[in-house]
Amino acid sequence: MTNSDPSGLTQLGTHTALPDDPERAVLETVPNPHPDTRYVTRFTQPEFTSLCPVTGQPDFAHLVIDFIPNQRLVESKSLKLFLGSFRNHGAFHEDCTVYIGKRIAAAIEPHWLRIGGYWYPRGGMPIDVFWQTGEAPAGVWIPEQGVAGYRGRG
C-alpha cells in the first residue's frame, strides 16, 4: 500500500473554522495512491444547505460527487469545509451545483467527474441539477447515484 503524503495540508488534524464564503474556502488535495488504476471515488453530502439569493430562505440538497482520480484526490475535511461554506451563501441551485463540480475538477484534474444535485422542493417544485466534465472513460464501473427522484406523498 502506498502512503499518501499529508505534508502541506493545513486543515486536517487542526481546528479549522468554517469558511464564510465558498470563494475563500480552500480545497486541499493529496496524492492518489493508485494513479495507475482507474477507479471511482464517491462523496455523498445528504444535508447540503445554501440560501436562496433572492429571499434568503434556506435551500437543501442531497449532493453526490463521483470522480475517477488522476494524480490527486480531494482531502475530505477540506471538502466538508468547502461544502459547509455554502450554508450562508446565496446562489441558485444550478450555480451551487455546477460551481462545486468545477472547483473540485480544477483542484484535482480528474480523468472524469460528475455531480448530481438533488434539491428538495420549495414552492412545490424540486430541482435536480447534473454536471460532468465529459464522457466517462470506458471500462470503469460507475454506479448509479442512487438518489430517487422526488415523489412527494404519492
N, C-alpha and C. Protein backbone atom coordinates (compact mmCIF):
# COMPACT_ATOMS: atom_id res chain seq x y z
N MET A 1 0.85 -1.17 0.00
CA MET A 1 0.00 0.00 0.00
C MET A 1 0.89 1.24 0.00
N THR A 2 0.53 2.22 -0.80
CA THR A 2 1.28 3.46 -0.89
C THR A 2 0.85 4.40 0.23
N ASN A 3 1.79 5.08 0.85
CA ASN A 3 1.48 6.04 1.89
C ASN A 3 1.25 7.40 1.26
N SER A 4 0.05 7.96 1.45
CA SER A 4 -0.23 9.30 0.93
C SER A 4 0.48 10.32 1.80
N ASP A 5 1.13 11.26 1.16
CA ASP A 5 1.90 12.28 1.86
C ASP A 5 0.99 13.40 2.36
N PRO A 6 0.81 13.53 3.69
CA PRO A 6 -0.07 14.57 4.22
C PRO A 6 0.62 15.93 4.37
N SER A 7 1.90 16.02 4.02
CA SER A 7 2.58 17.30 4.18
C SER A 7 1.93 18.35 3.30
N GLY A 8 1.89 19.54 3.81
CA GLY A 8 1.27 20.63 3.08
C GLY A 8 -0.20 20.82 3.40
N LEU A 9 -0.82 19.86 4.09
CA LEU A 9 -2.22 20.02 4.48
C LEU A 9 -2.30 20.97 5.66
N THR A 10 -3.20 21.92 5.59
CA THR A 10 -3.31 22.93 6.65
C THR A 10 -4.56 22.77 7.51
N GLN A 11 -5.51 21.94 7.07
CA GLN A 11 -6.80 21.84 7.77
C GLN A 11 -6.96 20.53 8.52
N LEU A 12 -6.41 19.45 7.99
CA LEU A 12 -6.57 18.14 8.59
C LEU A 12 -5.84 18.09 9.93
N GLY A 13 -6.52 17.62 10.97
CA GLY A 13 -5.90 17.48 12.28
C GLY A 13 -5.84 18.76 13.09
N THR A 14 -6.46 19.82 12.59
CA THR A 14 -6.47 21.08 13.32
C THR A 14 -7.91 21.60 13.39
N HIS A 15 -8.16 22.45 14.38
CA HIS A 15 -9.45 23.12 14.43
C HIS A 15 -9.46 24.16 13.32
N THR A 16 -10.39 24.03 12.42
CA THR A 16 -10.48 24.94 11.28
C THR A 16 -11.88 25.52 11.24
N ALA A 17 -11.97 26.83 11.26
CA ALA A 17 -13.28 27.49 11.20
C ALA A 17 -13.92 27.26 9.83
N LEU A 18 -15.24 27.20 9.84
CA LEU A 18 -15.98 27.07 8.59
C LEU A 18 -15.79 28.35 7.78
N PRO A 19 -15.33 28.24 6.53
CA PRO A 19 -15.16 29.45 5.71
C PRO A 19 -16.50 30.17 5.54
N ASP A 20 -16.47 31.49 5.51
CA ASP A 20 -17.71 32.25 5.40
C ASP A 20 -18.17 32.44 3.96
N ASP A 21 -17.39 31.95 3.00
CA ASP A 21 -17.74 32.12 1.60
C ASP A 21 -17.04 31.03 0.79
N PRO A 22 -17.73 30.41 -0.18
CA PRO A 22 -17.09 29.37 -0.99
C PRO A 22 -15.85 29.83 -1.73
N GLU A 23 -15.80 31.10 -2.13
CA GLU A 23 -14.63 31.62 -2.84
C GLU A 23 -13.38 31.56 -1.97
N ARG A 24 -13.54 31.71 -0.65
CA ARG A 24 -12.40 31.71 0.27
C ARG A 24 -12.09 30.33 0.82
N ALA A 25 -12.95 29.36 0.56
CA ALA A 25 -12.71 28.00 1.04
C ALA A 25 -11.55 27.38 0.26
N VAL A 26 -10.71 26.65 0.96
CA VAL A 26 -9.54 26.01 0.36
C VAL A 26 -9.81 24.52 0.18
N LEU A 27 -9.73 24.06 -1.05
CA LEU A 27 -9.83 22.62 -1.34
C LEU A 27 -8.42 22.06 -1.37
N GLU A 28 -8.09 21.25 -0.38
CA GLU A 28 -6.76 20.65 -0.33
C GLU A 28 -6.79 19.29 -1.01
N THR A 29 -5.63 18.89 -1.52
CA THR A 29 -5.53 17.62 -2.23
C THR A 29 -4.37 16.81 -1.67
N VAL A 30 -4.44 15.52 -1.92
CA VAL A 30 -3.37 14.59 -1.55
C VAL A 30 -3.05 13.73 -2.76
N PRO A 31 -1.87 13.13 -2.79
CA PRO A 31 -1.53 12.26 -3.92
C PRO A 31 -2.46 11.04 -3.99
N ASN A 32 -2.78 10.64 -5.20
CA ASN A 32 -3.55 9.43 -5.42
C ASN A 32 -2.60 8.24 -5.21
N PRO A 33 -2.91 7.34 -4.26
CA PRO A 33 -2.01 6.21 -4.02
C PRO A 33 -2.03 5.17 -5.15
N HIS A 34 -2.98 5.28 -6.07
CA HIS A 34 -3.08 4.33 -7.19
C HIS A 34 -3.32 5.07 -8.51
N PRO A 35 -2.39 5.93 -8.92
CA PRO A 35 -2.61 6.71 -10.14
C PRO A 35 -2.61 5.85 -11.41
N ASP A 36 -2.13 4.62 -11.31
CA ASP A 36 -2.10 3.73 -12.47
C ASP A 36 -3.38 2.91 -12.61
N THR A 37 -4.34 3.12 -11.71
CA THR A 37 -5.57 2.34 -11.70
C THR A 37 -6.77 3.27 -11.85
N ARG A 38 -7.68 2.92 -12.75
CA ARG A 38 -8.90 3.71 -12.91
C ARG A 38 -9.97 3.14 -11.98
N TYR A 39 -10.43 3.99 -11.06
CA TYR A 39 -11.47 3.61 -10.12
C TYR A 39 -12.31 4.84 -9.81
N VAL A 40 -13.47 4.62 -9.21
CA VAL A 40 -14.38 5.72 -8.90
C VAL A 40 -14.35 6.00 -7.40
N THR A 41 -14.27 7.27 -7.06
CA THR A 41 -14.44 7.73 -5.69
C THR A 41 -15.75 8.50 -5.63
N ARG A 42 -16.51 8.28 -4.56
CA ARG A 42 -17.80 8.96 -4.41
C ARG A 42 -17.85 9.68 -3.08
N PHE A 43 -18.26 10.94 -3.13
CA PHE A 43 -18.58 11.70 -1.94
C PHE A 43 -20.07 11.97 -1.97
N THR A 44 -20.74 11.74 -0.85
CA THR A 44 -22.18 12.00 -0.74
C THR A 44 -22.41 12.98 0.39
N GLN A 45 -23.13 14.04 0.12
CA GLN A 45 -23.47 15.04 1.13
C GLN A 45 -25.00 15.17 1.15
N PRO A 46 -25.66 14.37 2.03
CA PRO A 46 -27.12 14.36 2.03
C PRO A 46 -27.76 15.55 2.74
N GLU A 47 -26.95 16.40 3.37
CA GLU A 47 -27.51 17.53 4.12
C GLU A 47 -26.88 18.86 3.69
N PHE A 48 -26.69 19.05 2.40
CA PHE A 48 -26.12 20.28 1.88
C PHE A 48 -27.13 21.42 2.04
N THR A 49 -26.65 22.59 2.44
CA THR A 49 -27.53 23.75 2.57
C THR A 49 -26.88 24.98 1.93
N SER A 50 -27.73 25.83 1.39
CA SER A 50 -27.33 27.13 0.88
C SER A 50 -28.54 28.05 1.07
N LEU A 51 -28.43 29.27 0.59
CA LEU A 51 -29.53 30.22 0.71
C LEU A 51 -30.03 30.65 -0.66
N CYS A 52 -31.32 30.89 -0.76
CA CYS A 52 -31.87 31.49 -1.98
C CYS A 52 -31.31 32.90 -2.08
N PRO A 53 -30.75 33.27 -3.25
CA PRO A 53 -30.14 34.60 -3.38
C PRO A 53 -31.16 35.73 -3.39
N VAL A 54 -32.43 35.42 -3.57
CA VAL A 54 -33.46 36.45 -3.63
C VAL A 54 -34.16 36.62 -2.28
N THR A 55 -34.61 35.49 -1.71
CA THR A 55 -35.40 35.56 -0.48
C THR A 55 -34.58 35.35 0.79
N GLY A 56 -33.40 34.76 0.66
CA GLY A 56 -32.61 34.44 1.84
C GLY A 56 -33.08 33.19 2.57
N GLN A 57 -34.09 32.52 2.03
CA GLN A 57 -34.61 31.30 2.65
C GLN A 57 -33.63 30.15 2.41
N PRO A 58 -33.56 29.19 3.34
CA PRO A 58 -32.63 28.08 3.16
C PRO A 58 -33.09 27.12 2.06
N ASP A 59 -32.12 26.59 1.35
CA ASP A 59 -32.35 25.54 0.35
C ASP A 59 -31.55 24.32 0.80
N PHE A 60 -32.08 23.14 0.52
CA PHE A 60 -31.46 21.89 0.96
C PHE A 60 -31.30 20.96 -0.23
N ALA A 61 -30.18 20.24 -0.26
CA ALA A 61 -29.92 19.31 -1.36
C ALA A 61 -29.19 18.08 -0.86
N HIS A 62 -29.30 17.04 -1.64
CA HIS A 62 -28.53 15.82 -1.48
C HIS A 62 -27.55 15.82 -2.65
N LEU A 63 -26.26 15.99 -2.36
CA LEU A 63 -25.26 16.01 -3.42
C LEU A 63 -24.55 14.67 -3.52
N VAL A 64 -24.28 14.24 -4.74
CA VAL A 64 -23.47 13.04 -5.00
C VAL A 64 -22.40 13.44 -6.00
N ILE A 65 -21.14 13.27 -5.59
CA ILE A 65 -19.99 13.65 -6.41
C ILE A 65 -19.18 12.39 -6.70
N ASP A 66 -19.09 12.02 -7.96
CA ASP A 66 -18.32 10.85 -8.39
C ASP A 66 -17.16 11.34 -9.25
N PHE A 67 -15.98 10.74 -9.05
CA PHE A 67 -14.87 11.09 -9.93
C PHE A 67 -13.90 9.92 -10.09
N ILE A 68 -13.23 9.92 -11.22
CA ILE A 68 -12.16 8.97 -11.50
C ILE A 68 -10.87 9.75 -11.34
N PRO A 69 -10.13 9.49 -10.25
CA PRO A 69 -8.94 10.30 -9.96
C PRO A 69 -7.84 10.13 -11.00
N ASN A 70 -7.03 11.16 -11.08
CA ASN A 70 -5.82 11.13 -11.88
C ASN A 70 -4.66 11.09 -10.88
N GLN A 71 -3.94 12.16 -10.71
CA GLN A 71 -2.79 12.20 -9.80
C GLN A 71 -3.15 12.64 -8.38
N ARG A 72 -4.29 13.34 -8.21
CA ARG A 72 -4.63 13.92 -6.91
C ARG A 72 -6.03 13.50 -6.47
N LEU A 73 -6.23 13.48 -5.15
CA LEU A 73 -7.53 13.24 -4.53
C LEU A 73 -7.91 14.47 -3.72
N VAL A 74 -9.21 14.67 -3.51
CA VAL A 74 -9.67 15.74 -2.63
C VAL A 74 -9.54 15.24 -1.19
N GLU A 75 -8.94 16.06 -0.35
CA GLU A 75 -8.87 15.72 1.08
C GLU A 75 -10.26 15.99 1.65
N SER A 76 -10.83 15.00 2.35
CA SER A 76 -12.25 15.06 2.70
C SER A 76 -12.61 16.15 3.71
N LYS A 77 -11.74 16.47 4.67
CA LYS A 77 -12.09 17.54 5.61
C LYS A 77 -12.19 18.87 4.87
N SER A 78 -11.28 19.14 3.95
CA SER A 78 -11.36 20.39 3.21
C SER A 78 -12.61 20.43 2.34
N LEU A 79 -13.04 19.27 1.83
CA LEU A 79 -14.28 19.22 1.05
C LEU A 79 -15.48 19.52 1.95
N LYS A 80 -15.50 18.96 3.15
CA LYS A 80 -16.60 19.24 4.09
C LYS A 80 -16.66 20.73 4.42
N LEU A 81 -15.50 21.35 4.66
CA LEU A 81 -15.47 22.77 4.95
C LEU A 81 -15.93 23.59 3.75
N PHE A 82 -15.49 23.20 2.55
CA PHE A 82 -15.91 23.88 1.32
C PHE A 82 -17.42 23.82 1.16
N LEU A 83 -17.98 22.61 1.30
CA LEU A 83 -19.43 22.45 1.16
C LEU A 83 -20.17 23.21 2.26
N GLY A 84 -19.64 23.20 3.47
CA GLY A 84 -20.26 23.93 4.57
C GLY A 84 -20.25 25.44 4.37
N SER A 85 -19.31 25.93 3.57
CA SER A 85 -19.21 27.37 3.35
C SER A 85 -20.41 27.92 2.57
N PHE A 86 -21.21 27.05 1.98
CA PHE A 86 -22.40 27.49 1.26
C PHE A 86 -23.57 27.76 2.20
N ARG A 87 -23.45 27.37 3.45
CA ARG A 87 -24.56 27.46 4.40
C ARG A 87 -25.16 28.86 4.48
N ASN A 88 -24.33 29.89 4.40
CA ASN A 88 -24.82 31.27 4.46
C ASN A 88 -24.55 32.02 3.16
N HIS A 89 -24.46 31.26 2.07
CA HIS A 89 -24.15 31.83 0.76
C HIS A 89 -25.39 31.78 -0.12
N GLY A 90 -25.71 32.89 -0.73
CA GLY A 90 -26.87 32.94 -1.61
C GLY A 90 -26.51 32.64 -3.05
N ALA A 91 -27.11 31.59 -3.60
CA ALA A 91 -26.91 31.23 -5.02
C ALA A 91 -28.02 30.28 -5.44
N PHE A 92 -28.38 30.35 -6.70
CA PHE A 92 -29.39 29.44 -7.23
C PHE A 92 -28.85 28.01 -7.26
N HIS A 93 -29.76 27.04 -7.32
CA HIS A 93 -29.39 25.62 -7.30
C HIS A 93 -28.38 25.28 -8.39
N GLU A 94 -28.63 25.77 -9.60
CA GLU A 94 -27.75 25.47 -10.71
C GLU A 94 -26.34 26.02 -10.48
N ASP A 95 -26.27 27.23 -9.94
CA ASP A 95 -24.98 27.86 -9.68
C ASP A 95 -24.20 27.07 -8.63
N CYS A 96 -24.85 26.71 -7.53
CA CYS A 96 -24.17 25.94 -6.48
C CYS A 96 -23.64 24.62 -7.03
N THR A 97 -24.49 23.87 -7.70
CA THR A 97 -24.12 22.53 -8.15
C THR A 97 -22.96 22.58 -9.15
N VAL A 98 -23.08 23.40 -10.16
CA VAL A 98 -22.04 23.47 -11.20
C VAL A 98 -20.75 24.06 -10.63
N TYR A 99 -20.86 25.08 -9.79
CA TYR A 99 -19.67 25.68 -9.19
C TYR A 99 -18.89 24.66 -8.36
N ILE A 100 -19.59 23.87 -7.58
CA ILE A 100 -18.92 22.84 -6.78
C ILE A 100 -18.18 21.87 -7.68
N GLY A 101 -18.85 21.38 -8.72
CA GLY A 101 -18.21 20.45 -9.65
C GLY A 101 -16.97 21.05 -10.31
N LYS A 102 -17.08 22.30 -10.75
CA LYS A 102 -15.94 22.94 -11.42
C LYS A 102 -14.79 23.19 -10.46
N ARG A 103 -15.08 23.58 -9.22
CA ARG A 103 -14.00 23.83 -8.25
C ARG A 103 -13.24 22.54 -7.95
N ILE A 104 -13.97 21.45 -7.76
CA ILE A 104 -13.31 20.17 -7.47
C ILE A 104 -12.49 19.72 -8.67
N ALA A 105 -13.08 19.82 -9.87
CA ALA A 105 -12.36 19.41 -11.08
C ALA A 105 -11.09 20.23 -11.27
N ALA A 106 -11.15 21.52 -10.99
CA ALA A 106 -9.96 22.37 -11.13
C ALA A 106 -8.89 21.99 -10.11
N ALA A 107 -9.32 21.58 -8.92
CA ALA A 107 -8.36 21.26 -7.85
C ALA A 107 -7.63 19.95 -8.10
N ILE A 108 -8.34 18.93 -8.64
CA ILE A 108 -7.72 17.60 -8.74
C ILE A 108 -7.47 17.14 -10.17
N GLU A 109 -8.01 17.84 -11.16
CA GLU A 109 -7.85 17.46 -12.57
C GLU A 109 -8.07 15.95 -12.78
N PRO A 110 -9.29 15.49 -12.47
CA PRO A 110 -9.57 14.06 -12.58
C PRO A 110 -9.69 13.61 -14.03
N HIS A 111 -9.67 12.29 -14.23
CA HIS A 111 -9.97 11.75 -15.56
C HIS A 111 -11.41 12.08 -15.92
N TRP A 112 -12.28 12.10 -14.90
CA TRP A 112 -13.71 12.35 -15.12
C TRP A 112 -14.34 12.71 -13.79
N LEU A 113 -15.35 13.57 -13.82
CA LEU A 113 -16.09 13.95 -12.61
C LEU A 113 -17.52 14.24 -13.00
N ARG A 114 -18.44 13.85 -12.12
CA ARG A 114 -19.85 14.25 -12.27
C ARG A 114 -20.39 14.61 -10.90
N ILE A 115 -21.34 15.52 -10.90
CA ILE A 115 -22.04 15.88 -9.67
C ILE A 115 -23.53 15.88 -9.95
N GLY A 116 -24.27 15.31 -9.03
CA GLY A 116 -25.73 15.37 -9.06
C GLY A 116 -26.19 16.16 -7.85
N GLY A 117 -26.94 17.20 -8.10
CA GLY A 117 -27.54 17.99 -7.02
C GLY A 117 -29.03 17.73 -7.01
N TYR A 118 -29.49 17.01 -6.00
CA TYR A 118 -30.90 16.66 -5.87
C TYR A 118 -31.50 17.59 -4.83
N TRP A 119 -32.13 18.66 -5.29
CA TRP A 119 -32.61 19.73 -4.42
C TRP A 119 -34.02 19.43 -3.95
N TYR A 120 -34.24 19.63 -2.66
CA TYR A 120 -35.56 19.40 -2.07
C TYR A 120 -36.50 20.52 -2.49
N PRO A 121 -37.79 20.20 -2.58
CA PRO A 121 -38.75 21.19 -3.09
C PRO A 121 -38.90 22.41 -2.16
N ARG A 122 -39.06 23.52 -2.81
CA ARG A 122 -39.50 24.74 -2.15
C ARG A 122 -40.48 25.36 -3.12
N GLY A 123 -41.62 25.75 -2.62
CA GLY A 123 -42.66 26.25 -3.52
C GLY A 123 -43.26 25.12 -4.34
N GLY A 124 -43.11 23.88 -3.86
CA GLY A 124 -43.73 22.74 -4.51
C GLY A 124 -42.95 22.14 -5.67
N MET A 125 -41.74 22.64 -5.96
CA MET A 125 -41.02 22.13 -7.12
C MET A 125 -39.58 21.75 -6.76
N PRO A 126 -39.25 20.45 -6.88
CA PRO A 126 -37.85 20.07 -6.71
C PRO A 126 -37.08 20.40 -7.99
N ILE A 127 -35.80 20.69 -7.82
CA ILE A 127 -34.93 20.96 -8.97
C ILE A 127 -33.71 20.06 -8.84
N ASP A 128 -33.44 19.26 -9.83
CA ASP A 128 -32.25 18.42 -9.85
C ASP A 128 -31.30 18.98 -10.90
N VAL A 129 -30.01 19.07 -10.54
CA VAL A 129 -29.01 19.65 -11.42
C VAL A 129 -27.86 18.66 -11.57
N PHE A 130 -27.43 18.43 -12.82
CA PHE A 130 -26.37 17.46 -13.10
C PHE A 130 -25.31 18.12 -13.98
N TRP A 131 -24.04 17.82 -13.67
CA TRP A 131 -22.93 18.35 -14.47
C TRP A 131 -21.82 17.33 -14.48
N GLN A 132 -21.12 17.21 -15.59
CA GLN A 132 -19.95 16.34 -15.64
C GLN A 132 -18.92 16.93 -16.59
N THR A 133 -17.69 16.47 -16.43
CA THR A 133 -16.58 17.03 -17.19
C THR A 133 -16.52 16.53 -18.63
N GLY A 134 -17.20 15.46 -18.95
CA GLY A 134 -17.18 14.89 -20.30
C GLY A 134 -17.59 13.43 -20.22
N GLU A 135 -17.26 12.69 -21.24
CA GLU A 135 -17.58 11.26 -21.26
C GLU A 135 -16.73 10.50 -20.26
N ALA A 136 -17.33 9.56 -19.58
CA ALA A 136 -16.59 8.71 -18.65
C ALA A 136 -15.68 7.76 -19.44
N PRO A 137 -14.49 7.49 -18.95
CA PRO A 137 -13.61 6.54 -19.62
C PRO A 137 -14.25 5.15 -19.69
N ALA A 138 -13.99 4.45 -20.76
CA ALA A 138 -14.52 3.10 -20.92
C ALA A 138 -13.86 2.15 -19.92
N GLY A 139 -14.60 1.13 -19.54
CA GLY A 139 -14.05 0.07 -18.71
C GLY A 139 -14.03 0.35 -17.22
N VAL A 140 -14.66 1.44 -16.77
CA VAL A 140 -14.71 1.75 -15.34
C VAL A 140 -16.15 1.60 -14.88
N TRP A 141 -16.36 0.84 -13.81
CA TRP A 141 -17.70 0.67 -13.28
C TRP A 141 -18.10 1.94 -12.54
N ILE A 142 -19.16 2.57 -13.02
CA ILE A 142 -19.67 3.79 -12.40
C ILE A 142 -21.11 3.51 -12.00
N PRO A 143 -21.35 3.33 -10.70
CA PRO A 143 -22.70 3.00 -10.26
C PRO A 143 -23.65 4.18 -10.42
N GLU A 144 -24.93 3.87 -10.47
CA GLU A 144 -25.94 4.92 -10.46
C GLU A 144 -25.81 5.69 -9.17
N GLN A 145 -26.25 6.94 -9.17
CA GLN A 145 -26.10 7.75 -7.98
C GLN A 145 -27.04 7.33 -6.85
N GLY A 146 -28.12 6.63 -7.17
CA GLY A 146 -28.94 6.02 -6.13
C GLY A 146 -29.87 6.96 -5.39
N VAL A 147 -30.06 8.17 -5.90
CA VAL A 147 -30.97 9.09 -5.25
C VAL A 147 -32.26 9.10 -6.06
N ALA A 148 -33.32 8.69 -5.43
CA ALA A 148 -34.61 8.64 -6.12
C ALA A 148 -35.11 10.04 -6.40
N GLY A 149 -35.76 10.20 -7.53
CA GLY A 149 -36.40 11.48 -7.83
C GLY A 149 -37.48 11.77 -6.79
N TYR A 150 -37.78 13.02 -6.57
CA TYR A 150 -38.77 13.39 -5.57
C TYR A 150 -40.13 12.87 -5.96
N ARG A 151 -40.81 12.22 -5.01
CA ARG A 151 -42.10 11.63 -5.30
C ARG A 151 -43.24 12.23 -4.47
N GLY A 152 -42.92 13.08 -3.55
CA GLY A 152 -43.97 13.65 -2.70
C GLY A 152 -44.63 12.58 -1.86
N ARG A 153 -45.90 12.71 -1.66
CA ARG A 153 -46.62 11.76 -0.80
C ARG A 153 -47.27 10.64 -1.59
N GLY A 154 -47.10 10.59 -2.88
CA GLY A 154 -47.83 9.64 -3.69
C GLY A 154 -47.17 8.36 -3.84
